C-alpha atoms as a PDB file:
ATOM      1  CA  MET A   1     121.042 101.479  86.616  1.00  0.00           C
ATOM      2  CA  THR A   2     121.218 103.016  90.100  1.00  0.00           C
ATOM      3  CA  ASP A   3     120.810 100.445  93.068  1.00  0.00           C
ATOM      4  CA  THR A   4     117.245 100.122  94.387  1.00  0.00           C
ATOM      5  CA  ARG A   5     117.026 102.122  97.661  1.00  0.00           C
ATOM      6  CA  ALA A   6     115.086 100.454 100.848  1.00  0.00           C
ATOM      7  CA  LEU A   7     112.410 103.135 100.170  1.00  0.00           C
ATOM      8  CA  ILE A   8     108.450 103.439  99.407  1.00  0.00           C
ATOM      9  CA  LEU A   9     107.555 106.917  98.474  1.00  0.00           C
ATOM     10  CA  GLY A  10     104.751 109.160  97.971  1.00  0.00           C
ATOM     11  CA  CYS A  11     104.240 111.876  95.385  1.00  0.00           C
ATOM     12  CA  SER A  12     102.509 115.281  95.773  1.00  0.00           C
ATOM     13  CA  GLY A  13      99.636 115.382  93.478  1.00  0.00           C
ATOM     14  CA  PRO A  14      98.038 113.720  90.594  1.00  0.00           C
ATOM     15  CA  VAL A  15     100.776 114.339  88.198  1.00  0.00           C
ATOM     16  CA  LEU A  16     104.380 114.018  88.624  1.00  0.00           C
ATOM     17  CA  THR A  17     106.483 117.229  88.398  1.00  0.00           C
ATOM     18  CA  GLU A  18     109.623 117.390  86.362  1.00  0.00           C
ATOM     19  CA  GLU A  19     111.461 117.645  89.987  1.00  0.00           C
ATOM     20  CA  GLU A  20     109.715 114.452  91.195  1.00  0.00           C
ATOM     21  CA  LYS A  21     110.725 112.591  88.064  1.00  0.00           C
ATOM     22  CA  ALA A  22     114.304 113.656  88.268  1.00  0.00           C
ATOM     23  CA  PHE A  23     114.211 112.805  92.096  1.00  0.00           C
ATOM     24  CA  TYR A  24     112.886 109.326  91.659  1.00  0.00           C
ATOM     25  CA  ARG A  25     115.275 108.339  88.782  1.00  0.00           C
ATOM     26  CA  ASP A  26     118.223 109.361  90.949  1.00  0.00           C
ATOM     27  CA  VAL A  27     116.793 107.622  94.025  1.00  0.00           C
ATOM     28  CA  GLN A  28     115.529 104.643  92.529  1.00  0.00           C
ATOM     29  CA  PRO A  29     112.844 103.909  95.413  1.00  0.00           C
ATOM     30  CA  TRP A  30     112.047 100.205  95.463  1.00  0.00           C
ATOM     31  CA  GLY A  31     108.195 101.152  95.457  1.00  0.00           C
ATOM     32  CA  PHE A  32     105.546 103.968  95.549  1.00  0.00           C
ATOM     33  CA  ILE A  33     102.317 104.637  97.561  1.00  0.00           C
ATOM     34  CA  LEU A  34      99.208 106.704  96.491  1.00  0.00           C
ATOM     35  CA  PHE A  35      96.868 108.645  98.589  1.00  0.00           C
ATOM     36  CA  GLY A  36      93.507 110.585  97.819  1.00  0.00           C
ATOM     37  CA  ARG A  37      95.615 113.624  96.719  1.00  0.00           C
ATOM     38  CA  ASN A  38      96.981 111.495  93.836  1.00  0.00           C
ATOM     39  CA  ILE A  39      93.418 110.564  92.409  1.00  0.00           C
ATOM     40  CA  GLU A  40      91.270 112.355  90.074  1.00  0.00           C
ATOM     41  CA  SER A  41      90.292 110.083  87.321  1.00  0.00           C
ATOM     42  CA  LEU A  42      90.810 106.458  86.316  1.00  0.00           C
ATOM     43  CA  ASP A  43      92.691 107.310  83.202  1.00  0.00           C
ATOM     44  CA  GLN A  44      94.679 109.814  85.568  1.00  0.00           C
ATOM     45  CA  VAL A  45      95.679 107.309  88.054  1.00  0.00           C
ATOM     46  CA  LYS A  46      96.748 104.897  85.165  1.00  0.00           C
ATOM     47  CA  ARG A  47      99.014 107.713  83.760  1.00  0.00           C
ATOM     48  CA  LEU A  48     100.453 108.257  87.132  1.00  0.00           C
ATOM     49  CA  THR A  49     101.351 104.714  87.854  1.00  0.00           C
ATOM     50  CA  ASN A  50     102.833 104.599  84.385  1.00  0.00           C
ATOM     51  CA  ASP A  51     104.918 107.668  85.105  1.00  0.00           C
ATOM     52  CA  LEU A  52     106.211 106.587  88.438  1.00  0.00           C
ATOM     53  CA  ARG A  53     107.422 103.208  86.866  1.00  0.00           C
ATOM     54  CA  GLU A  54     109.104 105.028  84.094  1.00  0.00           C
ATOM     55  CA  THR A  55     111.399 106.556  86.681  1.00  0.00           C
ATOM     56  CA  VAL A  56     112.607 103.020  87.664  1.00  0.00           C
ATOM     57  CA  ALA A  57     112.582 101.771  83.938  1.00  0.00           C
ATOM     58  CA  GLY A  58     113.418  98.212  83.580  1.00  0.00           C
ATOM     59  CA  ARG A  59     112.347  97.331  87.090  1.00  0.00           C
ATOM     60  CA  HIS A  60     108.964  96.192  88.686  1.00  0.00           C
ATOM     61  CA  ALA A  61     108.355  98.912  91.291  1.00  0.00           C
ATOM     62  CA  PRO A  62     105.375  97.843  93.291  1.00  0.00           C
ATOM     63  CA  VAL A  63     102.761 100.589  93.628  1.00  0.00           C
ATOM     64  CA  LEU A  64     100.736 100.445  96.957  1.00  0.00           C
ATOM     65  CA  ILE A  65      97.528 102.092  98.216  1.00  0.00           C
ATOM     66  CA  ASP A  66      95.408 101.731 101.609  1.00  0.00           C
ATOM     67  CA  GLN A  67      92.294 100.533 100.069  1.00  0.00           C
ATOM     68  CA  GLU A  68      90.366  98.924 102.750  1.00  0.00           C
ATOM     69  CA  GLY A  69      86.610  99.958 102.645  1.00  0.00           C
ATOM     70  CA  GLY A  70      85.070 102.091 105.257  1.00  0.00           C
ATOM     71  CA  ARG A  71      86.614 105.321 106.463  1.00  0.00           C
ATOM     72  CA  VAL A  72      89.972 104.230 104.712  1.00  0.00           C
ATOM     73  CA  GLN A  73      89.371 104.020 101.155  1.00  0.00           C
ATOM     74  CA  ARG A  74      91.559 105.997  98.738  1.00  0.00           C
ATOM     75  CA  ILE A  75      89.970 105.548  95.633  1.00  0.00           C
ATOM     76  CA  LYS A  76      86.315 106.453  96.320  1.00  0.00           C
ATOM     77  CA  PRO A  77      82.949 106.684  94.249  1.00  0.00           C
ATOM     78  CA  PRO A  78      82.414 107.303  91.506  1.00  0.00           C
ATOM     79  CA  LEU A  79      85.631 105.767  90.574  1.00  0.00           C
ATOM     80  CA  THR A  80      85.235 102.619  92.605  1.00  0.00           C
ATOM     81  CA  ASP A  81      82.172 101.254  94.492  1.00  0.00           C
ATOM     82  CA  LYS A  82      81.803 102.304  98.097  1.00  0.00           C
ATOM     83  CA  TYR A  83      83.192  99.310 100.063  1.00  0.00           C
ATOM     84  CA  PRO A  84      81.970  98.545 103.627  1.00  0.00           C
ATOM     85  CA  SER A  85      84.380  98.435 106.802  1.00  0.00           C
ATOM     86  CA  GLY A  86      86.216  95.723 108.240  1.00  0.00           C
ATOM     87  CA  SER A  87      83.693  95.861 111.250  1.00  0.00           C
ATOM     88  CA  ASP A  88      80.859  95.388 108.896  1.00  0.00           C
ATOM     89  CA  LEU A  89      82.398  92.522 107.435  1.00  0.00           C
ATOM     90  CA  GLY A  90      82.934  91.025 110.730  1.00  0.00           C
ATOM     91  CA  ALA A  91      79.376  91.499 111.627  1.00  0.00           C
ATOM     92  CA  ILE A  92      78.429  89.215 108.843  1.00  0.00           C
ATOM     93  CA  TYR A  93      81.026  86.697 110.319  1.00  0.00           C
ATOM     94  CA  ALA A  94      79.550  86.969 113.790  1.00  0.00           C
ATOM     95  CA  SER A  95      76.107  85.849 112.300  1.00  0.00           C
ATOM     96  CA  ASP A  96      77.383  83.343 109.651  1.00  0.00           C
ATOM     97  CA  LYS A  97      81.119  82.408 109.685  1.00  0.00           C
ATOM     98  CA  GLU A  98      81.078  80.883 106.124  1.00  0.00           C
ATOM     99  CA  LYS A  99      79.145  84.111 104.661  1.00  0.00           C
ATOM    100  CA  GLY A 100      81.675  86.362 106.383  1.00  0.00           C
ATOM    101  CA  LEU A 101      84.697  84.799 105.215  1.00  0.00           C
ATOM    102  CA  ARG A 102      83.222  84.662 101.537  1.00  0.00           C
ATOM    103  CA  ALA A 103      82.426  88.543 101.990  1.00  0.00           C
ATOM    104  CA  ALA A 104      86.131  89.143 103.118  1.00  0.00           C
ATOM    105  CA  TRP A 105      87.388  87.233 100.107  1.00  0.00           C
ATOM    106  CA  LEU A 106      84.872  88.984  97.710  1.00  0.00           C
ATOM    107  CA  MET A 107      85.876  92.643  98.732  1.00  0.00           C
ATOM    108  CA  SER A 108      89.618  91.925  98.582  1.00  0.00           C
ATOM    109  CA  ARG A 109      88.993  90.278  94.973  1.00  0.00           C
ATOM    110  CA  LEU A 110      86.936  93.322  93.931  1.00  0.00           C
ATOM    111  CA  HIS A 111      89.715  95.459  95.105  1.00  0.00           C
ATOM    112  CA  ALA A 112      92.030  93.727  92.996  1.00  0.00           C
ATOM    113  CA  PHE A 113      89.789  94.132  89.902  1.00  0.00           C
ATOM    114  CA  ASP A 114      89.551  97.926  90.552  1.00  0.00           C
ATOM    115  CA  LEU A 115      93.157  98.411  91.384  1.00  0.00           C
ATOM    116  CA  LEU A 116      95.348  96.233  89.071  1.00  0.00           C
ATOM    117  CA  LYS A 117      93.964  97.849  86.033  1.00  0.00           C
ATOM    118  CA  LEU A 118      95.243 101.028  87.181  1.00  0.00           C
ATOM    119  CA  GLY A 119      98.635  99.683  87.702  1.00  0.00           C
ATOM    120  CA  ILE A 120      98.289  99.443  91.571  1.00  0.00           C
ATOM    121  CA  ASP A 121      99.339  95.983  92.697  1.00  0.00           C
ATOM    122  CA  VAL A 122      99.898  96.039  96.576  1.00  0.00           C
ATOM    123  CA  ASP A 123      97.187  96.742  98.936  1.00  0.00           C
ATOM    124  CA  CYS A 124      97.766  97.576 102.508  1.00  0.00           C
ATOM    125  CA  LEU A 125      95.268  95.186 103.957  1.00  0.00           C
ATOM    126  CA  PRO A 126      94.397  93.196 105.917  1.00  0.00           C
ATOM    127  CA  VAL A 127      94.216  94.993 109.063  1.00  0.00           C
ATOM    128  CA  LEU A 128      95.188  92.430 111.560  1.00  0.00           C
ATOM    129  CA  ASP A 129      94.830  94.571 114.804  1.00  0.00           C
ATOM    130  CA  VAL A 130      92.547  93.592 117.576  1.00  0.00           C
ATOM    131  CA  PRO A 131      90.952  96.535 119.412  1.00  0.00           C
ATOM    132  CA  ILE A 132      89.890  96.501 122.935  1.00  0.00           C
ATOM    133  CA  VAL A 133      87.177  98.384 124.562  1.00  0.00           C
ATOM    134  CA  GLY A 134      88.181 102.060 125.035  1.00  0.00           C
ATOM    135  CA  SER A 135      91.016 102.013 122.662  1.00  0.00           C
ATOM    136  CA  SER A 136      91.904 104.876 120.041  1.00  0.00           C
ATOM    137  CA  ASP A 137      89.391 104.859 117.135  1.00  0.00           C
ATOM    138  CA  VAL A 138      92.392 104.946 114.771  1.00  0.00           C
ATOM    139  CA  ILE A 139      91.629 101.376 114.210  1.00  0.00           C
ATOM    140  CA  GLY A 140      88.135 101.229 115.690  1.00  0.00           C
ATOM    141  CA  SER A 141      85.925 100.063 112.598  1.00  0.00           C
ATOM    142  CA  ARG A 142      88.749  99.206 110.495  1.00  0.00           C
ATOM    143  CA  ALA A 143      89.348  95.848 112.535  1.00  0.00           C
ATOM    144  CA  TYR A 144      87.118  92.712 111.777  1.00  0.00           C
ATOM    145  CA  GLY A 145      86.258  92.090 115.136  1.00  0.00           C
ATOM    146  CA  ARG A 146      87.641  92.264 118.872  1.00  0.00           C
ATOM    147  CA  ASP A 147      88.843  88.764 119.393  1.00  0.00           C
ATOM    148  CA  PRO A 148      91.960  87.369 117.612  1.00  0.00           C
ATOM    149  CA  GLU A 149      90.036  84.284 116.019  1.00  0.00           C
ATOM    150  CA  THR A 150      87.707  86.690 114.068  1.00  0.00           C
ATOM    151  CA  VAL A 151      90.359  88.751 112.881  1.00  0.00           C
ATOM    152  CA  THR A 152      92.640  85.947 111.990  1.00  0.00           C
ATOM    153  CA  ALA A 153      90.006  84.086 110.014  1.00  0.00           C
ATOM    154  CA  MET A 154      88.851  87.185 108.121  1.00  0.00           C
ATOM    155  CA  GLY A 155      92.268  88.612 107.757  1.00  0.00           C
ATOM    156  CA  ARG A 156      93.271  85.284 105.938  1.00  0.00           C
ATOM    157  CA  ALA A 157      90.271  85.303 103.558  1.00  0.00           C
ATOM    158  CA  ALA A 158      91.097  89.129 102.802  1.00  0.00           C
ATOM    159  CA  ALA A 159      94.635  88.544 101.904  1.00  0.00           C
ATOM    160  CA  GLN A 160      93.778  85.323  99.910  1.00  0.00           C
ATOM    161  CA  GLY A 161      91.249  87.452  97.807  1.00  0.00           C
ATOM    162  CA  LEU A 162      94.263  89.798  96.877  1.00  0.00           C
ATOM    163  CA  LYS A 163      96.318  87.188  95.910  1.00  0.00           C
ATOM    164  CA  ASP A 164      93.814  85.459  93.796  1.00  0.00           C
ATOM    165  CA  GLY A 165      93.327  88.668  92.168  1.00  0.00           C
ATOM    166  CA  GLY A 166      96.995  89.003  91.093  1.00  0.00           C
ATOM    167  CA  MET A 167      98.055  91.724  93.967  1.00  0.00           C
ATOM    168  CA  LEU A 168      99.807  91.353  97.112  1.00  0.00           C
ATOM    169  CA  PRO A 169      98.451  91.963 100.630  1.00  0.00           C
ATOM    170  CA  VAL A 170     100.558  93.928 103.358  1.00  0.00           C
ATOM    171  CA  MET A 171      99.658  92.809 107.146  1.00  0.00           C
ATOM    172  CA  LYS A 172      99.176  95.700 109.351  1.00  0.00           C
ATOM    173  CA  HIS A 173     100.262  96.947 111.895  1.00  0.00           C
ATOM    174  CA  MET A 174     102.994  94.483 113.351  1.00  0.00           C
ATOM    175  CA  PRO A 175     103.010  93.425 116.066  1.00  0.00           C
ATOM    176  CA  GLY A 176      99.416  95.003 116.971  1.00  0.00           C
ATOM    177  CA  HIS A 177      98.028  98.440 117.154  1.00  0.00           C
ATOM    178  CA  GLY A 178      94.527  97.339 118.650  1.00  0.00           C
ATOM    179  CA  ARG A 179      95.453  98.195 122.344  1.00  0.00           C
ATOM    180  CA  ALA A 180      96.586 101.707 121.605  1.00  0.00           C
ATOM    181  CA  PHE A 181      94.766 104.686 123.384  1.00  0.00           C
ATOM    182  CA  ALA A 182      96.315 107.179 121.188  1.00  0.00           C
ATOM    183  CA  ASP A 183      96.306 108.005 117.424  1.00  0.00           C
ATOM    184  CA  SER A 184      99.919 107.331 116.376  1.00  0.00           C
ATOM    185  CA  HIS A 185      99.279 109.997 113.473  1.00  0.00           C
ATOM    186  CA  HIS A 186      99.474 112.445 116.275  1.00  0.00           C
ATOM    187  CA  ASN A 187     100.811 110.934 119.534  1.00  0.00           C
ATOM    188  CA  LEU A 188     102.804 107.979 120.709  1.00  0.00           C
ATOM    189  CA  PRO A 189     100.657 105.264 121.894  1.00  0.00           C
ATOM    190  CA  ILE A 190     102.004 103.165 124.880  1.00  0.00           C
ATOM    191  CA  VAL A 191     100.659  99.681 125.843  1.00  0.00           C
ATOM    192  CA  ASP A 192     101.411  98.812 129.289  1.00  0.00           C
ATOM    193  CA  VAL A 193     100.355  95.101 129.766  1.00  0.00           C
ATOM    194  CA  PRO A 194     102.126  91.834 130.347  1.00  0.00           C
ATOM    195  CA  ARG A 195     103.784  89.981 127.357  1.00  0.00           C
ATOM    196  CA  GLU A 196     101.628  87.059 128.000  1.00  0.00           C
ATOM    197  CA  THR A 197      98.368  89.310 127.459  1.00  0.00           C
ATOM    198  CA  LEU A 198     100.036  90.676 124.219  1.00  0.00           C
ATOM    199  CA  GLU A 199     100.856  87.237 123.051  1.00  0.00           C
ATOM    200  CA  ALA A 200      97.504  85.654 123.519  1.00  0.00           C
ATOM    201  CA  HIS A 201      95.561  88.876 121.939  1.00  0.00           C
ATOM    202  CA  ASP A 202      97.359  91.293 120.080  1.00  0.00           C
ATOM    203  CA  PHE A 203     100.177  89.122 118.604  1.00  0.00           C
ATOM    204  CA  ALA A 204      98.009  86.270 117.765  1.00  0.00           C
ATOM    205  CA  PRO A 205      96.781  86.901 114.225  1.00  0.00           C
ATOM    206  CA  PHE A 206     100.189  88.048 112.754  1.00  0.00           C
ATOM    207  CA  LYS A 207     101.713  84.765 114.396  1.00  0.00           C
ATOM    208  CA  ALA A 208      98.884  82.807 112.621  1.00  0.00           C
ATOM    209  CA  MET A 209      99.756  84.366 109.205  1.00  0.00           C
ATOM    210  CA  HIS A 210     103.549  84.833 109.755  1.00  0.00           C
ATOM    211  CA  ASN A 211     104.001  83.209 106.171  1.00  0.00           C
ATOM    212  CA  GLU A 212     102.789  86.303 104.384  1.00  0.00           C
ATOM    213  CA  LEU A 213     105.212  88.193 102.095  1.00  0.00           C
ATOM    214  CA  MET A 214     104.619  91.690 103.577  1.00  0.00           C
ATOM    215  CA  GLY A 215     103.803  93.317 106.578  1.00  0.00           C
ATOM    216  CA  MET A 216     103.778  96.905 108.239  1.00  0.00           C
ATOM    217  CA  SER A 217     105.075  98.028 111.483  1.00  0.00           C
ATOM    218  CA  ALA A 218     103.343  99.530 114.332  1.00  0.00           C
ATOM    219  CA  HIS A 219     104.163 103.030 115.920  1.00  0.00           C
ATOM    220  CA  VAL A 220     103.536 101.601 119.434  1.00  0.00           C
ATOM    221  CA  VAL A 221     105.367 101.273 122.701  1.00  0.00           C
ATOM    222  CA  PHE A 222     105.055  97.923 124.309  1.00  0.00           C
ATOM    223  CA  THR A 223     106.408  98.437 127.839  1.00  0.00           C
ATOM    224  CA  ALA A 224     106.774  94.759 128.567  1.00  0.00           C
ATOM    225  CA  ILE A 225     108.971  94.272 125.516  1.00  0.00           C
ATOM    226  CA  ASP A 226     110.852  97.713 124.929  1.00  0.00           C
ATOM    227  CA  PRO A 227     109.797 100.666 127.225  1.00  0.00           C
ATOM    228  CA  GLU A 228     111.826 103.318 125.539  1.00  0.00           C
ATOM    229  CA  ARG A 229     110.905 102.733 121.536  1.00  0.00           C
ATOM    230  CA  PRO A 230     107.928 102.303 119.674  1.00  0.00           C
ATOM    231  CA  GLY A 231     107.966  98.850 117.542  1.00  0.00           C
ATOM    232  CA  THR A 232     108.824 100.599 114.234  1.00  0.00           C
ATOM    233  CA  THR A 233     112.165 101.800 115.758  1.00  0.00           C
ATOM    234  CA  SER A 234     112.599  99.043 118.487  1.00  0.00           C
ATOM    235  CA  LYS A 235     115.304  96.443 117.490  1.00  0.00           C
ATOM    236  CA  ILE A 236     114.065  94.603 120.578  1.00  0.00           C
ATOM    237  CA  VAL A 237     110.428  94.387 119.200  1.00  0.00           C
ATOM    238  CA  ILE A 238     111.613  93.536 115.668  1.00  0.00           C
ATOM    239  CA  ASP A 239     114.187  90.968 116.560  1.00  0.00           C
ATOM    240  CA  GLU A 240     112.331  89.358 119.469  1.00  0.00           C
ATOM    241  CA  ILE A 241     108.836  89.635 118.487  1.00  0.00           C
ATOM    242  CA  VAL A 242     108.364  90.305 114.885  1.00  0.00           C
ATOM    243  CA  ARG A 243     111.077  87.982 113.732  1.00  0.00           C
ATOM    244  CA  GLY A 244     111.275  85.717 116.701  1.00  0.00           C
ATOM    245  CA  TYR A 245     107.964  85.051 118.427  1.00  0.00           C
ATOM    246  CA  ILE A 246     105.724  85.833 115.511  1.00  0.00           C
ATOM    247  CA  GLY A 247     108.225  84.161 113.025  1.00  0.00           C
ATOM    248  CA  PHE A 248     107.621  86.612 110.137  1.00  0.00           C
ATOM    249  CA  ASP A 249     110.468  86.554 107.754  1.00  0.00           C
ATOM    250  CA  GLY A 250     108.615  88.604 104.921  1.00  0.00           C
ATOM    251  CA  LEU A 251     109.475  92.163 103.857  1.00  0.00           C
ATOM    252  CA  LEU A 252     108.845  94.668 106.983  1.00  0.00           C
ATOM    253  CA  MET A 253     108.119  98.253 105.888  1.00  0.00           C
ATOM    254  CA  SER A 254     107.540 100.916 108.565  1.00  0.00           C
ATOM    255  CA  ASP A 255     104.309 102.611 108.977  1.00  0.00           C
ATOM    256  CA  ASP A 256     104.711 106.213 107.790  1.00  0.00           C
ATOM    257  CA  THR A 257     107.866 108.134 108.853  1.00  0.00           C
ATOM    258  CA  SER A 258     106.016 111.408 109.076  1.00  0.00           C
ATOM    259  CA  MET A 259     103.596 110.196 111.569  1.00  0.00           C
ATOM    260  CA  ASN A 260     104.070 112.065 114.943  1.00  0.00           C
ATOM    261  CA  ALA A 261     104.302 109.105 117.200  1.00  0.00           C
ATOM    262  CA  LEU A 262     107.921 109.063 116.125  1.00  0.00           C
ATOM    263  CA  ALA A 263     110.619 111.289 117.606  1.00  0.00           C
ATOM    264  CA  GLY A 264     113.113 113.464 116.134  1.00  0.00           C
ATOM    265  CA  THR A 265     113.428 115.049 112.698  1.00  0.00           C
ATOM    266  CA  ILE A 266     112.397 113.173 109.681  1.00  0.00           C
ATOM    267  CA  GLY A 267     116.038 112.073 108.850  1.00  0.00           C
ATOM    268  CA  GLU A 268     116.305 110.840 112.392  1.00  0.00           C
ATOM    269  CA  ARG A 269     113.172 108.736 112.296  1.00  0.00           C
ATOM    270  CA  ALA A 270     114.267 107.263 108.973  1.00  0.00           C
ATOM    271  CA  ARG A 271     117.753 106.475 110.546  1.00  0.00           C
ATOM    272  CA  ASP A 272     116.123 104.899 113.454  1.00  0.00           C
ATOM    273  CA  ILE A 273     113.664 102.725 111.271  1.00  0.00           C
ATOM    274  CA  VAL A 274     116.881 101.209 109.338  1.00  0.00           C
ATOM    275  CA  ALA A 275     118.678 100.657 112.570  1.00  0.00           C
ATOM    276  CA  ALA A 276     115.998  98.897 114.226  1.00  0.00           C
ATOM    277  CA  GLY A 277     115.618  96.271 111.577  1.00  0.00           C
ATOM    278  CA  CYS A 278     112.820  97.360 109.094  1.00  0.00           C
ATOM    279  CA  ASP A 279     113.530  96.248 105.469  1.00  0.00           C
ATOM    280  CA  ILE A 280     111.698  99.397 103.821  1.00  0.00           C
ATOM    281  CA  VAL A 281     111.200 102.988 105.058  1.00  0.00           C
ATOM    282  CA  LEU A 282     107.982 104.248 104.052  1.00  0.00           C
ATOM    283  CA  HIS A 283     107.516 108.005 103.619  1.00  0.00           C
ATOM    284  CA  CYS A 284     104.006 109.138 102.311  1.00  0.00           C
ATOM    285  CA  ASN A 285     103.320 112.728 102.115  1.00  0.00           C
ATOM    286  CA  GLY A 286     105.223 113.583  98.931  1.00  0.00           C
ATOM    287  CA  VAL A 287     106.931 116.712 100.686  1.00  0.00           C
ATOM    288  CA  MET A 288     110.306 116.925  98.510  1.00  0.00           C
ATOM    289  CA  ALA A 289     112.291 118.373 101.526  1.00  0.00           C
ATOM    290  CA  GLU A 290     111.130 115.492 103.715  1.00  0.00           C
ATOM    291  CA  MET A 291     111.788 112.885 101.067  1.00  0.00           C
ATOM    292  CA  GLN A 292     115.337 114.306 100.561  1.00  0.00           C
ATOM    293  CA  ALA A 293     115.975 113.864 104.250  1.00  0.00           C
ATOM    294  CA  VAL A 294     114.574 110.253 104.445  1.00  0.00           C
ATOM    295  CA  VAL A 295     116.721 109.437 101.161  1.00  0.00           C
ATOM    296  CA  ALA A 296     119.781 110.617 103.081  1.00  0.00           C
ATOM    297  CA  GLU A 297     119.368 107.856 105.581  1.00  0.00           C
ATOM    298  CA  ALA A 298     117.917 105.115 103.497  1.00  0.00           C
ATOM    299  CA  PRO A 299     120.408 102.294 102.423  1.00  0.00           C
ATOM    300  CA  VAL A 300     120.657 100.687  99.225  1.00  0.00           C
ATOM    301  CA  LEU A 301     118.459  97.602  99.487  1.00  0.00           C
ATOM    302  CA  SER A 302     120.920  94.811 100.131  1.00  0.00           C
ATOM    303  CA  GLY A 303     121.408  91.353 101.994  1.00  0.00           C
ATOM    304  CA  ILE A 304     118.325  89.690 103.706  1.00  0.00           C
ATOM    305  CA  SER A 305     116.307  92.786 103.198  1.00  0.00           C
ATOM    306  CA  LYS A 306     116.883  92.476  99.275  1.00  0.00           C
ATOM    307  CA  ALA A 307     116.180  88.749  99.498  1.00  0.00           C
ATOM    308  CA  ARG A 308     112.806  89.750 101.287  1.00  0.00           C
ATOM    309  CA  ALA A 309     112.181  92.187  98.663  1.00  0.00           C
ATOM    310  CA  ASP A 310     112.818  89.792  95.847  1.00  0.00           C
ATOM    311  CA  ALA A 311     110.769  87.029  97.385  1.00  0.00           C
ATOM    312  CA  ALA A 312     107.572  89.550  97.700  1.00  0.00           C
ATOM    313  CA  LEU A 313     108.051  90.396  93.888  1.00  0.00           C
ATOM    314  CA  ALA A 314     108.446  86.744  93.193  1.00  0.00           C
ATOM    315  CA  GLY A 315     105.123  86.332  95.056  1.00  0.00           C
ATOM    316  CA  PHE A 316     102.741  88.035  92.286  1.00  0.00           C
ATOM    317  CA  ALA A 317     100.643  85.440  90.726  1.00  0.00           C
ATOM    318  CA  LYS A 318      98.288  85.545  87.602  1.00  0.00           C
ATOM    319  CA  PRO A 319      94.853  86.497  88.502  1.00  0.00           C
ATOM    320  CA  ASP A 320      92.301  83.845  88.748  1.00  0.00           C
ATOM    321  CA  ALA A 321      89.565  83.395  86.044  1.00  0.00           C
ATOM    322  CA  SER A 322      86.690  85.070  88.222  1.00  0.00           C
ATOM    323  CA  ASP A 323      83.947  86.830  86.663  1.00  0.00           C
ATOM    324  CA  GLU A 324      84.024  90.278  87.905  1.00  0.00           C
ATOM    325  CA  ALA A 325      80.196  91.221  87.462  1.00  0.00           C
ATOM    326  CA  ALA A 326      79.254  88.000  89.073  1.00  0.00           C
ATOM    327  CA  LEU A 327      81.276  88.587  92.119  1.00  0.00           C
ATOM    328  CA  ARG A 328      80.375  92.194  92.525  1.00  0.00           C
ATOM    329  CA  ALA A 329      76.533  91.140  92.335  1.00  0.00           C
ATOM    330  CA  GLU A 330      77.204  88.494  94.938  1.00  0.00           C
ATOM    331  CA  PHE A 331      79.191  90.885  97.479  1.00  0.00           C
ATOM    332  CA  PHE A 332      76.548  93.783  97.212  1.00  0.00           C
ATOM    333  CA  ALA A 333      73.748  91.384  97.758  1.00  0.00           C
ATOM    334  CA  MET A 334      75.509  90.359 101.157  1.00  0.00           C
ATOM    335  CA  VAL A 335      76.070  94.085 102.028  1.00  0.00           C
ATOM    336  CA  PRO A 336      73.325  96.119 100.359  1.00  0.00           C
ATOM    337  CA  SER A 337      74.091  99.031 102.845  1.00  0.00           C
ATOM    338  CA  ALA A 338      77.598  99.503 101.592  1.00  0.00           C
END
């Protein structure tokens, strides 16, 4: 079998093309990621995840999705329930901490019921970013709150719900996207505050949850750490902050290579991501020419990055014995407006 590449790739539509099948067989990405364009019906999604895994036959390839709730919910009604945003859950926590933590756990546990039966086993959740007043709405209502204590507590509960459901969480966006005044999908956010402020606010939830197995980087410049490069392509940020100060030794995947916060061609971006120390290059849009350019720069998964990837795969556990109908009724009694 071809060696596994340090890649998570998207696909173009609801059904794999023959070109995509041949490409994935040749490339052997570590995992795949799905978006709204890949979703038509439950049966179709299950076939798609099966077909993706067939291209890496004999190996467990994780299939990821961004199923947060609120405005970031790739699988929508009527295929799943409509789930509330992180800020909606945070509002419950603000009035009743125990109830808020239960709501965060419940929603993640319900995501696991929804997703695992479709062959999706990694949810890019929790969002651990801590927004400040006036920051870009790219995080906004996705956040559990505007203080690190709330975000940490709710993030822990959300991550545990996924793990109890047999899935893995991905913390995002390391080491923090909440202070960004630009949307990194379109522009490069620059955060210009002292490191002490970042440590007390932005980095705190990630430091508190540093033992999680997977994290996603932030396309954000922190001038106090590295004034030249965003976190995703900054060896200084990854070595000194993510691996050092935060203490995260799990699998670090980049945010999407095609987001315009990153400079250069797609291939140059992938090269910079690898050079900075991300373990996995994420490319989402399924455009074949872009994927080919990324593949040319993505290495075979080896060394410490392979060890982290193997540790993530070893972290999957059997789902608990929860009763889905009971949990669903309990959750939507808490959030009737969802």
